[in-house]
PDB file of N, CA and C in Angstrom:
ATOM      1  N   UNK A   1       5.557 -15.651  -0.065  1.00  0.00           N
ATOM      2  CA  UNK A   1       4.511 -15.077   0.732  1.00  0.00           C
ATOM      3  C   UNK A   1       3.301 -15.991   0.771  1.00  0.00           C
ATOM      4  N   UNK A   2       3.098 -16.779  -0.239  1.00  0.00           N
ATOM      5  CA  UNK A   2       1.916 -17.623  -0.261  1.00  0.00           C
ATOM      6  C   UNK A   2       1.929 -18.673   0.836  1.00  0.00           C
ATOM      7  N   UNK A   3       3.083 -18.962   1.405  1.00  0.00           N
ATOM      8  CA  UNK A   3       3.154 -19.950   2.476  1.00  0.00           C
ATOM      9  C   UNK A   3       2.884 -19.343   3.847  1.00  0.00           C
ATOM     10  N   UNK A   4       2.774 -18.031   3.925  1.00  0.00           N
ATOM     11  CA  UNK A   4       2.516 -17.364   5.196  1.00  0.00           C
ATOM     12  C   UNK A   4       1.021 -17.388   5.467  1.00  0.00           C
ATOM     13  N   UNK A   5       0.657 -17.831   6.639  1.00  0.00           N
ATOM     14  CA  UNK A   5      -0.754 -17.868   7.026  1.00  0.00           C
ATOM     15  C   UNK A   5      -1.040 -16.630   7.861  1.00  0.00           C
ATOM     16  N   UNK A   6      -1.965 -15.817   7.417  1.00  0.00           N
ATOM     17  CA  UNK A   6      -2.317 -14.605   8.139  1.00  0.00           C
ATOM     18  C   UNK A   6      -3.600 -14.844   8.911  1.00  0.00           C
ATOM     19  N   UNK A   7      -3.568 -14.531  10.180  1.00  0.00           N
ATOM     20  CA  UNK A   7      -4.753 -14.670  11.015  1.00  0.00           C
ATOM     21  C   UNK A   7      -5.086 -13.278  11.531  1.00  0.00           C
ATOM     22  N   UNK A   8      -6.282 -12.833  11.238  1.00  0.00           N
ATOM     23  CA  UNK A   8      -6.661 -11.478  11.612  1.00  0.00           C
ATOM     24  C   UNK A   8      -8.180 -11.406  11.686  1.00  0.00           C
ATOM     25  N   UNK A   9      -8.688 -10.748  12.682  1.00  0.00           N
ATOM     26  CA  UNK A   9     -10.127 -10.590  12.821  1.00  0.00           C
ATOM     27  C   UNK A   9     -10.563  -9.392  11.986  1.00  0.00           C
ATOM     28  N   UNK A  10     -11.077  -9.646  10.786  1.00  0.00           N
ATOM     29  CA  UNK A  10     -11.453  -8.563   9.890  1.00  0.00           C
ATOM     30  C   UNK A  10     -12.659  -7.780  10.391  1.00  0.00           C
ATOM     31  N   UNK A  11     -13.396  -8.304  11.337  1.00  0.00           N
ATOM     32  CA  UNK A  11     -14.563  -7.591  11.841  1.00  0.00           C
ATOM     33  C   UNK A  11     -14.173  -6.327  12.597  1.00  0.00           C
ATOM     34  N   UNK A  12     -12.926  -6.234  13.032  1.00  0.00           N
ATOM     35  CA  UNK A  12     -12.470  -5.050  13.758  1.00  0.00           C
ATOM     36  C   UNK A  12     -12.020  -3.939  12.815  1.00  0.00           C
ATOM     37  N   UNK A  13     -11.779  -4.246  11.561  1.00  0.00           N
ATOM     38  CA  UNK A  13     -11.302  -3.264  10.594  1.00  0.00           C
ATOM     39  C   UNK A  13     -12.453  -2.589   9.873  1.00  0.00           C
ATOM     40  N   UNK A  14     -12.285  -1.301   9.596  1.00  0.00           N
ATOM     41  CA  UNK A  14     -13.156  -0.636   8.655  1.00  0.00           C
ATOM     42  C   UNK A  14     -12.603  -0.977   7.277  1.00  0.00           C
ATOM     43  N   UNK A  15     -13.466  -0.996   6.284  1.00  0.00           N
ATOM     44  CA  UNK A  15     -13.014  -1.290   4.929  1.00  0.00           C
ATOM     45  C   UNK A  15     -12.290  -0.067   4.371  1.00  0.00           C
ATOM     46  N   UNK A  16     -11.029  -0.236   4.062  1.00  0.00           N
ATOM     47  CA  UNK A  16     -10.237   0.818   3.444  1.00  0.00           C
ATOM     48  C   UNK A  16      -9.713   0.301   2.118  1.00  0.00           C
ATOM     49  N   UNK A  17      -9.549   1.209   1.169  1.00  0.00           N
ATOM     50  CA  UNK A  17      -8.991   0.823  -0.118  1.00  0.00           C
ATOM     51  C   UNK A  17      -7.484   1.005  -0.093  1.00  0.00           C
ATOM     52  N   UNK A  18      -6.775  -0.043  -0.499  1.00  0.00           N
ATOM     53  CA  UNK A  18      -5.323  -0.009  -0.621  1.00  0.00           C
ATOM     54  C   UNK A  18      -5.000  -0.221  -2.091  1.00  0.00           C
ATOM     55  N   UNK A  19      -4.194   0.669  -2.648  1.00  0.00           N
ATOM     56  CA  UNK A  19      -3.742   0.539  -4.028  1.00  0.00           C
ATOM     57  C   UNK A  19      -2.390  -0.158  -4.022  1.00  0.00           C
ATOM     58  N   UNK A  20      -2.336  -1.363  -4.576  1.00  0.00           N
ATOM     59  CA  UNK A  20      -1.096  -2.128  -4.671  1.00  0.00           C
ATOM     60  C   UNK A  20      -0.442  -1.777  -6.002  1.00  0.00           C
ATOM     61  N   UNK A  21       0.782  -1.256  -5.942  1.00  0.00           N
ATOM     62  CA  UNK A  21       1.524  -0.910  -7.155  1.00  0.00           C
ATOM     63  C   UNK A  21       2.719  -1.845  -7.232  1.00  0.00           C
ATOM     64  N   UNK A  22       2.621  -2.812  -8.121  1.00  0.00           N
ATOM     65  CA  UNK A  22       3.634  -3.874  -8.233  1.00  0.00           C
ATOM     66  C   UNK A  22       3.665  -4.362  -9.671  1.00  0.00           C
ATOM     67  N   UNK A  23       4.867  -4.469 -10.238  1.00  0.00           N
ATOM     68  CA  UNK A  23       4.996  -4.875 -11.635  1.00  0.00           C
ATOM     69  C   UNK A  23       5.074  -6.388 -11.830  1.00  0.00           C
ATOM     70  N   UNK A  24       5.260  -7.139 -10.769  1.00  0.00           N
ATOM     71  CA  UNK A  24       5.316  -8.601 -10.859  1.00  0.00           C
ATOM     72  C   UNK A  24       3.947  -9.150 -10.454  1.00  0.00           C
ATOM     73  N   UNK A  25       3.259  -9.781 -11.411  1.00  0.00           N
ATOM     74  CA  UNK A  25       1.882 -10.235 -11.179  1.00  0.00           C
ATOM     75  C   UNK A  25       1.733 -11.141  -9.962  1.00  0.00           C
ATOM     76  N   UNK A  26       2.647 -12.083  -9.785  1.00  0.00           N
ATOM     77  CA  UNK A  26       2.539 -13.022  -8.661  1.00  0.00           C
ATOM     78  C   UNK A  26       2.642 -12.295  -7.319  1.00  0.00           C
ATOM     79  N   UNK A  27       3.572 -11.355  -7.226  1.00  0.00           N
ATOM     80  CA  UNK A  27       3.727 -10.585  -5.987  1.00  0.00           C
ATOM     81  C   UNK A  27       2.489  -9.722  -5.755  1.00  0.00           C
ATOM     82  N   UNK A  28       2.013  -9.080  -6.806  1.00  0.00           N
ATOM     83  CA  UNK A  28       0.818  -8.248  -6.703  1.00  0.00           C
ATOM     84  C   UNK A  28      -0.381  -9.066  -6.239  1.00  0.00           C
ATOM     85  N   UNK A  29      -0.541 -10.251  -6.803  1.00  0.00           N
ATOM     86  CA  UNK A  29      -1.654 -11.125  -6.415  1.00  0.00           C
ATOM     87  C   UNK A  29      -1.538 -11.562  -4.960  1.00  0.00           C
ATOM     88  N   UNK A  30      -0.327 -11.892  -4.516  1.00  0.00           N
ATOM     89  CA  UNK A  30      -0.124 -12.309  -3.124  1.00  0.00           C
ATOM     90  C   UNK A  30      -0.389 -11.160  -2.151  1.00  0.00           C
ATOM     91  N   UNK A  31       0.102  -9.959  -2.490  1.00  0.00           N
ATOM     92  CA  UNK A  31      -0.144  -8.797  -1.636  1.00  0.00           C
ATOM     93  C   UNK A  31      -1.642  -8.517  -1.563  1.00  0.00           C
ATOM     94  N   UNK A  32      -2.297  -8.573  -2.708  1.00  0.00           N
ATOM     95  CA  UNK A  32      -3.738  -8.310  -2.762  1.00  0.00           C
ATOM     96  C   UNK A  32      -4.519  -9.321  -1.938  1.00  0.00           C
ATOM     97  N   UNK A  33      -4.162 -10.585  -2.057  1.00  0.00           N
ATOM     98  CA  UNK A  33      -4.851 -11.631  -1.293  1.00  0.00           C
ATOM     99  C   UNK A  33      -4.684 -11.416   0.207  1.00  0.00           C
ATOM    100  N   UNK A  34      -3.474 -11.065   0.632  1.00  0.00           N
ATOM    101  CA  UNK A  34      -3.227 -10.826   2.059  1.00  0.00           C
ATOM    102  C   UNK A  34      -4.035  -9.633   2.558  1.00  0.00           C
ATOM    103  N   UNK A  35      -4.111  -8.580   1.755  1.00  0.00           N
ATOM    104  CA  UNK A  35      -4.882  -7.397   2.145  1.00  0.00           C
ATOM    105  C   UNK A  35      -6.379  -7.699   2.199  1.00  0.00           C
ATOM    106  N   UNK A  36      -6.875  -8.425   1.221  1.00  0.00           N
ATOM    107  CA  UNK A  36      -8.298  -8.791   1.215  1.00  0.00           C
ATOM    108  C   UNK A  36      -8.637  -9.664   2.415  1.00  0.00           C
ATOM    109  N   UNK A  37      -7.725 -10.563   2.764  1.00  0.00           N
ATOM    110  CA  UNK A  37      -7.939 -11.427   3.928  1.00  0.00           C
ATOM    111  C   UNK A  37      -8.021 -10.595   5.204  1.00  0.00           C
ATOM    112  N   UNK A  38      -7.349  -9.451   5.206  1.00  0.00           N
ATOM    113  CA  UNK A  38      -7.358  -8.570   6.367  1.00  0.00           C
ATOM    114  C   UNK A  38      -8.536  -7.590   6.325  1.00  0.00           C
ATOM    115  N   UNK A  39      -9.400  -7.709   5.318  1.00  0.00           N
ATOM    116  CA  UNK A  39     -10.606  -6.896   5.273  1.00  0.00           C
ATOM    117  C   UNK A  39     -10.512  -5.622   4.462  1.00  0.00           C
ATOM    118  N   UNK A  40      -9.465  -5.459   3.675  1.00  0.00           N
ATOM    119  CA  UNK A  40      -9.305  -4.245   2.873  1.00  0.00           C
ATOM    120  C   UNK A  40      -9.836  -4.449   1.460  1.00  0.00           C
ATOM    121  N   UNK A  41     -10.278  -3.374   0.852  1.00  0.00           N
ATOM    122  CA  UNK A  41     -10.586  -3.368  -0.571  1.00  0.00           C
ATOM    123  C   UNK A  41      -9.268  -3.133  -1.291  1.00  0.00           C
ATOM    124  N   UNK A  42      -9.067  -3.747  -2.437  1.00  0.00           N
ATOM    125  CA  UNK A  42      -7.773  -3.658  -3.113  1.00  0.00           C
ATOM    126  C   UNK A  42      -7.950  -3.256  -4.568  1.00  0.00           C
ATOM    127  N   UNK A  43      -7.127  -2.305  -4.987  1.00  0.00           N
ATOM    128  CA  UNK A  43      -6.976  -1.925  -6.389  1.00  0.00           C
ATOM    129  C   UNK A  43      -5.547  -2.293  -6.762  1.00  0.00           C
ATOM    130  N   UNK A  44      -5.306  -2.617  -8.036  1.00  0.00           N
ATOM    131  CA  UNK A  44      -3.956  -3.001  -8.461  1.00  0.00           C
ATOM    132  C   UNK A  44      -3.513  -2.190  -9.666  1.00  0.00           C
ATOM    133  N   UNK A  45      -2.268  -1.734  -9.615  1.00  0.00           N
ATOM    134  CA  UNK A  45      -1.632  -1.039 -10.735  1.00  0.00           C
ATOM    135  C   UNK A  45      -0.245  -1.636 -10.922  1.00  0.00           C
ATOM    136  N   UNK A  46       0.265  -1.560 -12.152  1.00  0.00           N
ATOM    137  CA  UNK A  46       1.573  -2.164 -12.415  1.00  0.00           C
ATOM    138  C   UNK A  46       2.688  -1.153 -12.625  1.00  0.00           C
ATOM    139  N   UNK A  47       2.352   0.153 -12.655  1.00  0.00           N
ATOM    140  CA  UNK A  47       3.389   1.175 -12.828  1.00  0.00           C
ATOM    141  C   UNK A  47       2.904   2.508 -12.262  1.00  0.00           C
ATOM    142  N   UNK A  48       3.797   3.484 -12.243  1.00  0.00           N
ATOM    143  CA  UNK A  48       3.502   4.780 -11.629  1.00  0.00           C
ATOM    144  C   UNK A  48       2.348   5.504 -12.314  1.00  0.00           C
ATOM    145  N   UNK A  49       2.361   5.534 -13.632  1.00  0.00           N
ATOM    146  CA  UNK A  49       1.324   6.264 -14.363  1.00  0.00           C
ATOM    147  C   UNK A  49      -0.063   5.674 -14.104  1.00  0.00           C
ATOM    148  N   UNK A  50      -0.160   4.366 -14.164  1.00  0.00           N
ATOM    149  CA  UNK A  50      -1.434   3.695 -13.906  1.00  0.00           C
ATOM    150  C   UNK A  50      -1.874   3.939 -12.460  1.00  0.00           C
ATOM    151  N   UNK A  51      -0.933   3.916 -11.536  1.00  0.00           N
ATOM    152  CA  UNK A  51      -1.245   4.146 -10.124  1.00  0.00           C
ATOM    153  C   UNK A  51      -1.817   5.541  -9.900  1.00  0.00           C
ATOM    154  N   UNK A  52      -1.233   6.546 -10.525  1.00  0.00           N
ATOM    155  CA  UNK A  52      -1.719   7.920 -10.358  1.00  0.00           C
ATOM    156  C   UNK A  52      -3.138   8.038 -10.905  1.00  0.00           C
ATOM    157  N   UNK A  53      -3.386   7.466 -12.086  1.00  0.00           N
ATOM    158  CA  UNK A  53      -4.737   7.512 -12.664  1.00  0.00           C
ATOM    159  C   UNK A  53      -5.752   6.856 -11.731  1.00  0.00           C
ATOM    160  N   UNK A  54      -5.402   5.706 -11.195  1.00  0.00           N
ATOM    161  CA  UNK A  54      -6.321   4.996 -10.303  1.00  0.00           C
ATOM    162  C   UNK A  54      -6.511   5.753  -8.992  1.00  0.00           C
ATOM    163  N   UNK A  55      -5.449   6.333  -8.468  1.00  0.00           N
ATOM    164  CA  UNK A  55      -5.538   7.086  -7.216  1.00  0.00           C
ATOM    165  C   UNK A  55      -6.391   8.338  -7.390  1.00  0.00           C
ATOM    166  N   UNK A  56      -6.300   8.977  -8.554  1.00  0.00           N
ATOM    167  CA  UNK A  56      -7.146  10.143  -8.822  1.00  0.00           C
ATOM    168  C   UNK A  56      -8.627   9.758  -8.792  1.00  0.00           C
ATOM    169  N   UNK A  57      -8.941   8.601  -9.322  1.00  0.00           N
ATOM    170  CA  UNK A  57     -10.337   8.159  -9.395  1.00  0.00           C
ATOM    171  C   UNK A  57     -10.858   7.630  -8.063  1.00  0.00           C
ATOM    172  N   UNK A  58     -10.020   6.919  -7.318  1.00  0.00           N
ATOM    173  CA  UNK A  58     -10.504   6.166  -6.156  1.00  0.00           C
ATOM    174  C   UNK A  58     -10.012   6.642  -4.798  1.00  0.00           C
ATOM    175  N   UNK A  59      -9.031   7.523  -4.755  1.00  0.00           N
ATOM    176  CA  UNK A  59      -8.491   8.064  -3.496  1.00  0.00           C
ATOM    177  C   UNK A  59      -8.265   6.970  -2.447  1.00  0.00           C
ATOM    178  N   UNK A  60      -7.273   6.112  -2.649  1.00  0.00           N
ATOM    179  CA  UNK A  60      -7.017   5.033  -1.690  1.00  0.00           C
ATOM    180  C   UNK A  60      -6.547   5.562  -0.341  1.00  0.00           C
ATOM    181  N   UNK A  61      -6.784   4.783   0.698  1.00  0.00           N
ATOM    182  CA  UNK A  61      -6.286   5.135   2.030  1.00  0.00           C
ATOM    183  C   UNK A  61      -4.769   5.029   2.068  1.00  0.00           C
ATOM    184  N   UNK A  62      -4.225   4.155   1.219  1.00  0.00           N
ATOM    185  CA  UNK A  62      -2.784   3.920   1.214  1.00  0.00           C
ATOM    186  C   UNK A  62      -2.375   3.333  -0.124  1.00  0.00           C
ATOM    187  N   UNK A  63      -1.126   3.601  -0.502  1.00  0.00           N
ATOM    188  CA  UNK A  63      -0.506   2.940  -1.647  1.00  0.00           C
ATOM    189  C   UNK A  63       0.551   2.010  -1.099  1.00  0.00           C
ATOM    190  N   UNK A  64       0.466   0.741  -1.477  1.00  0.00           N
ATOM    191  CA  UNK A  64       1.436  -0.267  -1.056  1.00  0.00           C
ATOM    192  C   UNK A  64       2.253  -0.668  -2.271  1.00  0.00           C
ATOM    193  N   UNK A  65       3.562  -0.563  -2.173  1.00  0.00           N
ATOM    194  CA  UNK A  65       4.444  -0.872  -3.293  1.00  0.00           C
ATOM    195  C   UNK A  65       5.703  -1.535  -2.769  1.00  0.00           C
ATOM    196  N   UNK A  66       6.723  -1.643  -3.620  1.00  0.00           N
ATOM    197  CA  UNK A  66       7.997  -2.173  -3.145  1.00  0.00           C
ATOM    198  C   UNK A  66       9.141  -1.363  -3.732  1.00  0.00           C
ATOM    199  N   UNK A  67      10.275  -1.426  -3.079  1.00  0.00           N
ATOM    200  CA  UNK A  67      11.431  -0.628  -3.488  1.00  0.00           C
ATOM    201  C   UNK A  67      11.980  -1.046  -4.842  1.00  0.00           C
ATOM    202  N   UNK A  68      11.672  -2.260  -5.293  1.00  0.00           N
ATOM    203  CA  UNK A  68      12.178  -2.759  -6.571  1.00  0.00           C
ATOM    204  C   UNK A  68      11.298  -2.372  -7.756  1.00  0.00           C
ATOM    205  N   UNK A  69      10.204  -1.678  -7.517  1.00  0.00           N
ATOM    206  CA  UNK A  69       9.344  -1.242  -8.610  1.00  0.00           C
ATOM    207  C   UNK A  69      10.158  -0.346  -9.545  1.00  0.00           C
ATOM    208  N   UNK A  70      10.242  -0.676 -10.842  1.00  0.00           N
ATOM    209  CA  UNK A  70      11.049   0.137 -11.762  1.00  0.00           C
ATOM    210  C   UNK A  70      10.641   1.610 -11.796  1.00  0.00           C
ATOM    211  N   UNK A  71       9.360   1.900 -11.541  1.00  0.00           N
ATOM    212  CA  UNK A  71       8.898   3.290 -11.570  1.00  0.00           C
ATOM    213  C   UNK A  71       8.676   3.854 -10.161  1.00  0.00           C
ATOM    214  N   UNK A  72       9.367   3.292  -9.159  1.00  0.00           N
ATOM    215  CA  UNK A  72       9.190   3.721  -7.763  1.00  0.00           C
ATOM    216  C   UNK A  72       9.469   5.216  -7.585  1.00  0.00           C
ATOM    217  N   UNK A  73      10.624   5.683  -8.053  1.00  0.00           N
ATOM    218  CA  UNK A  73      10.968   7.099  -7.896  1.00  0.00           C
ATOM    219  C   UNK A  73       9.970   7.996  -8.625  1.00  0.00           C
ATOM    220  N   UNK A  74       9.557   7.569  -9.798  1.00  0.00           N
ATOM    221  CA  UNK A  74       8.571   8.339 -10.557  1.00  0.00           C
ATOM    222  C   UNK A  74       7.240   8.388  -9.816  1.00  0.00           C
ATOM    223  N   UNK A  75       6.847   7.274  -9.219  1.00  0.00           N
ATOM    224  CA  UNK A  75       5.605   7.231  -8.445  1.00  0.00           C
ATOM    225  C   UNK A  75       5.634   8.268  -7.328  1.00  0.00           C
ATOM    226  N   UNK A  76       6.717   8.283  -6.562  1.00  0.00           N
ATOM    227  CA  UNK A  76       6.822   9.249  -5.460  1.00  0.00           C
ATOM    228  C   UNK A  76       6.822  10.680  -5.981  1.00  0.00           C
ATOM    229  N   UNK A  77       7.532  10.921  -7.060  1.00  0.00           N
ATOM    230  CA  UNK A  77       7.600  12.265  -7.638  1.00  0.00           C
ATOM    231  C   UNK A  77       6.218  12.723  -8.114  1.00  0.00           C
ATOM    232  N   UNK A  78       5.500  11.857  -8.821  1.00  0.00           N
ATOM    233  CA  UNK A  78       4.164  12.206  -9.307  1.00  0.00           C
ATOM    234  C   UNK A  78       3.180  12.431  -8.160  1.00  0.00           C
ATOM    235  N   UNK A  79       3.255  11.602  -7.139  1.00  0.00           N
ATOM    236  CA  UNK A  79       2.376  11.778  -5.981  1.00  0.00           C
ATOM    237  C   UNK A  79       2.617  13.109  -5.298  1.00  0.00           C
ATOM    238  N   UNK A  80       3.865  13.420  -5.040  1.00  0.00           N
ATOM    239  CA  UNK A  80       4.196  14.646  -4.302  1.00  0.00           C
ATOM    240  C   UNK A  80       3.895  15.904  -5.100  1.00  0.00           C
ATOM    241  N   UNK A  81       3.872  15.791  -6.434  1.00  0.00           N
ATOM    242  CA  UNK A  81       3.570  16.942  -7.285  1.00  0.00           C
ATOM    243  C   UNK A  81       2.064  17.126  -7.497  1.00  0.00           C
ATOM    244  N   UNK A  82       1.275  16.147  -7.143  1.00  0.00           N
ATOM    245  CA  UNK A  82      -0.173  16.164  -7.372  1.00  0.00           C
ATOM    246  C   UNK A  82      -0.873  16.810  -6.178  1.00  0.00           C
ATOM    247  N   UNK A  83      -1.593  17.881  -6.429  1.00  0.00           N
ATOM    248  CA  UNK A  83      -2.233  18.636  -5.342  1.00  0.00           C
ATOM    249  C   UNK A  83      -3.149  17.777  -4.475  1.00  0.00           C
ATOM    250  N   UNK A  84      -3.905  16.873  -5.088  1.00  0.00           N
ATOM    251  CA  UNK A  84      -4.867  16.068  -4.334  1.00  0.00           C
ATOM    252  C   UNK A  84      -4.288  14.778  -3.761  1.00  0.00           C
ATOM    253  N   UNK A  85      -3.107  14.381  -4.215  1.00  0.00           N
ATOM    254  CA  UNK A  85      -2.542  13.096  -3.787  1.00  0.00           C
ATOM    255  C   UNK A  85      -1.262  13.223  -2.975  1.00  0.00           C
ATOM    256  N   UNK A  86      -0.768  14.436  -2.811  1.00  0.00           N
ATOM    257  CA  UNK A  86       0.551  14.608  -2.189  1.00  0.00           C
ATOM    258  C   UNK A  86       0.629  14.107  -0.747  1.00  0.00           C
ATOM    259  N   UNK A  87      -0.491  13.991  -0.076  1.00  0.00           N
ATOM    260  CA  UNK A  87      -0.478  13.495   1.306  1.00  0.00           C
ATOM    261  C   UNK A  87      -0.886  12.027   1.420  1.00  0.00           C
ATOM    262  N   UNK A  88      -0.994  11.348   0.291  1.00  0.00           N
ATOM    263  CA  UNK A  88      -1.343   9.930   0.305  1.00  0.00           C
ATOM    264  C   UNK A  88      -0.236   9.138   0.988  1.00  0.00           C
ATOM    265  N   UNK A  89      -0.620   8.256   1.885  1.00  0.00           N
ATOM    266  CA  UNK A  89       0.350   7.424   2.598  1.00  0.00           C
ATOM    267  C   UNK A  89       0.889   6.365   1.640  1.00  0.00           C
ATOM    268  N   UNK A  90       2.223   6.247   1.596  1.00  0.00           N
ATOM    269  CA  UNK A  90       2.890   5.228   0.787  1.00  0.00           C
ATOM    270  C   UNK A  90       3.605   4.290   1.743  1.00  0.00           C
ATOM    271  N   UNK A  91       3.401   2.988   1.543  1.00  0.00           N
ATOM    272  CA  UNK A  91       4.015   2.011   2.443  1.00  0.00           C
ATOM    273  C   UNK A  91       4.620   0.861   1.656  1.00  0.00           C
ATOM    274  N   UNK A  92       5.587   0.235   2.304  1.00  0.00           N
ATOM    275  CA  UNK A  92       6.249  -0.960   1.791  1.00  0.00           C
ATOM    276  C   UNK A  92       6.264  -1.957   2.931  1.00  0.00           C
ATOM    277  N   UNK A  93       5.807  -3.180   2.685  1.00  0.00           N
ATOM    278  CA  UNK A  93       5.927  -4.230   3.694  1.00  0.00           C
ATOM    279  C   UNK A  93       7.159  -5.037   3.344  1.00  0.00           C
ATOM    280  N   UNK A  94       8.127  -5.036   4.254  1.00  0.00           N
ATOM    281  CA  UNK A  94       9.393  -5.746   4.029  1.00  0.00           C
ATOM    282  C   UNK A  94       9.803  -6.396   5.338  1.00  0.00           C
ATOM    283  N   UNK A  95       9.670  -7.710   5.411  1.00  0.00           N
ATOM    284  CA  UNK A  95       9.969  -8.405   6.663  1.00  0.00           C
ATOM    285  C   UNK A  95      11.459  -8.420   6.982  1.00  0.00           C
ATOM    286  N   UNK A  96      12.291  -7.984   6.043  1.00  0.00           N
ATOM    287  CA  UNK A  96      13.739  -7.972   6.267  1.00  0.00           C
ATOM    288  C   UNK A  96      14.245  -6.655   6.835  1.00  0.00           C
ATOM    289  N   UNK A  97      13.378  -5.673   6.948  1.00  0.00           N
ATOM    290  CA  UNK A  97      13.778  -4.369   7.470  1.00  0.00           C
ATOM    291  C   UNK A  97      12.928  -4.022   8.687  1.00  0.00           C
ATOM    292  N   UNK A  98      13.512  -3.302   9.628  1.00  0.00           N
ATOM    293  CA  UNK A  98      12.713  -2.843  10.773  1.00  0.00           C
ATOM    294  C   UNK A  98      11.711  -1.791  10.309  1.00  0.00           C
ATOM    295  N   UNK A  99      10.759  -1.511  11.149  1.00  0.00           N
ATOM    296  CA  UNK A  99       9.768  -0.501  10.811  1.00  0.00           C
ATOM    297  C   UNK A  99      10.442   0.864  10.759  1.00  0.00           C
ATOM    298  N   UNK A 100      10.278   1.550   9.643  1.00  0.00           N
ATOM    299  CA  UNK A 100      10.898   2.854   9.421  1.00  0.00           C
ATOM    300  C   UNK A 100       9.845   3.758   8.798  1.00  0.00           C
ATOM    301  N   UNK A 101       9.846   5.018   9.176  1.00  0.00           N
ATOM    302  CA  UNK A 101       8.942   5.973   8.542  1.00  0.00           C
ATOM    303  C   UNK A 101       9.661   7.298   8.382  1.00  0.00           C
ATOM    304  N   UNK A 102       9.488   7.914   7.226  1.00  0.00           N
ATOM    305  CA  UNK A 102       9.932   9.286   7.046  1.00  0.00           C
ATOM    306  C   UNK A 102       8.765  10.013   6.394  1.00  0.00           C
ATOM    307  N   UNK A 103       8.996  11.197   5.866  1.00  0.00           N
ATOM    308  CA  UNK A 103       7.878  11.950   5.310  1.00  0.00           C
ATOM    309  C   UNK A 103       7.459  11.450   3.935  1.00  0.00           C
ATOM    310  N   UNK A 104       8.200  10.510   3.358  1.00  0.00           N
ATOM    311  CA  UNK A 104       7.895  10.047   2.015  1.00  0.00           C
ATOM    312  C   UNK A 104       7.340   8.636   1.983  1.00  0.00           C
ATOM    313  N   UNK A 105       8.004   7.707   2.659  1.00  0.00           N
ATOM    314  CA  UNK A 105       7.648   6.293   2.566  1.00  0.00           C
ATOM    315  C   UNK A 105       7.695   5.662   3.946  1.00  0.00           C
ATOM    316  N   UNK A 106       6.769   4.773   4.211  1.00  0.00           N
ATOM    317  CA  UNK A 106       6.754   3.990   5.446  1.00  0.00           C
ATOM    318  C   UNK A 106       7.157   2.569   5.101  1.00  0.00           C
ATOM    319  N   UNK A 107       8.246   2.080   5.690  1.00  0.00           N
ATOM    320  CA  UNK A 107       8.657   0.697   5.500  1.00  0.00           C
ATOM    321  C   UNK A 107       8.178  -0.072   6.720  1.00  0.00           C
ATOM    322  N   UNK A 108       7.300  -1.026   6.492  1.00  0.00           N
ATOM    323  CA  UNK A 108       6.641  -1.733   7.579  1.00  0.00           C
ATOM    324  C   UNK A 108       7.104  -3.175   7.639  1.00  0.00           C
ATOM    325  N   UNK A 109       7.139  -3.712   8.848  1.00  0.00           N
ATOM    326  CA  UNK A 109       7.653  -5.069   9.041  1.00  0.00           C
ATOM    327  C   UNK A 109       6.599  -6.148   8.831  1.00  0.00           C
ATOM    328  N   UNK A 110       5.315  -5.787   8.841  1.00  0.00           N
ATOM    329  CA  UNK A 110       4.273  -6.796   8.643  1.00  0.00           C
ATOM    330  C   UNK A 110       2.942  -6.119   8.326  1.00  0.00           C
ATOM    331  N   UNK A 111       1.937  -6.932   8.050  1.00  0.00           N
ATOM    332  CA  UNK A 111       0.634  -6.388   7.684  1.00  0.00           C
ATOM    333  C   UNK A 111      -0.112  -5.800   8.875  1.00  0.00           C
ATOM    334  N   UNK A 112       0.197  -6.214  10.089  1.00  0.00           N
ATOM    335  CA  UNK A 112      -0.409  -5.595  11.267  1.00  0.00           C
ATOM    336  C   UNK A 112       0.017  -4.132  11.353  1.00  0.00           C
ATOM    337  N   UNK A 113       1.299  -3.865  11.094  1.00  0.00           N
ATOM    338  CA  UNK A 113       1.788  -2.485  11.088  1.00  0.00           C
ATOM    339  C   UNK A 113       1.097  -1.683   9.987  1.00  0.00           C
ATOM    340  N   UNK A 114       0.810  -2.320   8.865  1.00  0.00           N
ATOM    341  CA  UNK A 114       0.100  -1.659   7.777  1.00  0.00           C
ATOM    342  C   UNK A 114      -1.312  -1.279   8.217  1.00  0.00           C
ATOM    343  N   UNK A 115      -2.019  -2.201   8.853  1.00  0.00           N
ATOM    344  CA  UNK A 115      -3.364  -1.907   9.360  1.00  0.00           C
ATOM    345  C   UNK A 115      -3.340  -0.714  10.312  1.00  0.00           C
ATOM    346  N   UNK A 116      -2.370  -0.698  11.204  1.00  0.00           N
ATOM    347  CA  UNK A 116      -2.264   0.386  12.185  1.00  0.00           C
ATOM    348  C   UNK A 116      -1.974   1.717  11.500  1.00  0.00           C
ATOM    349  N   UNK A 117      -1.123   1.700  10.471  1.00  0.00           N
ATOM    350  CA  UNK A 117      -0.812   2.923   9.740  1.00  0.00           C
ATOM    351  C   UNK A 117      -2.042   3.443   8.995  1.00  0.00           C
ATOM    352  N   UNK A 118      -2.800   2.555   8.390  1.00  0.00           N
ATOM    353  CA  UNK A 118      -4.029   2.975   7.705  1.00  0.00           C
ATOM    354  C   UNK A 118      -4.983   3.627   8.697  1.00  0.00           C
ATOM    355  N   UNK A 119      -5.207   2.980   9.833  1.00  0.00           N
ATOM    356  CA  UNK A 119      -6.127   3.527  10.838  1.00  0.00           C
ATOM    357  C   UNK A 119      -5.665   4.898  11.329  1.00  0.00           C
ATOM    358  N   UNK A 120      -4.372   5.040  11.611  1.00  0.00           N
ATOM    359  CA  UNK A 120      -3.883   6.328  12.123  1.00  0.00           C
ATOM    360  C   UNK A 120      -3.940   7.410  11.054  1.00  0.00           C
ATOM    361  N   UNK A 121      -3.692   7.061   9.794  1.00  0.00           N
ATOM    362  CA  UNK A 121      -3.731   8.071   8.737  1.00  0.00           C
ATOM    363  C   UNK A 121      -5.163   8.497   8.427  1.00  0.00           C
ATOM    364  N   UNK A 122      -6.130   7.613   8.601  1.00  0.00           N
ATOM    365  CA  UNK A 122      -7.529   7.946   8.344  1.00  0.00           C
ATOM    366  C   UNK A 122      -8.137   8.749   9.491  1.00  0.00           C
ATOM    367  N   UNK A 123      -7.526   8.680  10.664  1.00  0.00           N
ATOM    368  CA  UNK A 123      -8.034   9.409  11.829  1.00  0.00           C
ATOM    369  C   UNK A 123      -7.684  10.890  11.768  1.00  0.00           C
ATOM    370  N   UNK A 124      -6.746  11.245  10.917  1.00  0.00           N
ATOM    371  CA  UNK A 124      -6.306  12.653  10.828  1.00  0.00           C
ATOM    372  C   UNK A 124      -7.319  13.519  10.145  1.00  0.00           C
TER     373      UNK A 124
END
């Protein structure tokens, strides 16, 4: 991901907080850098429990994670059971999969799709 050059006019974005939940430091750092370049505020957690604690405190616009996170299922279960967090948008950016959305997770093909999802979820 570090070789991908992202070009985006951050002046068009409102500042939203995205919670990156990733257990691999290098991937987490790359995701965070890409989000910051796009004008987002970024929080980082390495597992489900830490993510829930941070989300309770900061109420992110979105949680960005990956399917390989060892605590992925636990993260979704804890979010859906939490009265204040159950409607938090969860997304995965995966350039190898088409854009998919269900009621639990949004799999996005790029960071532009992520920006659009954040904007639409905040408009509700």
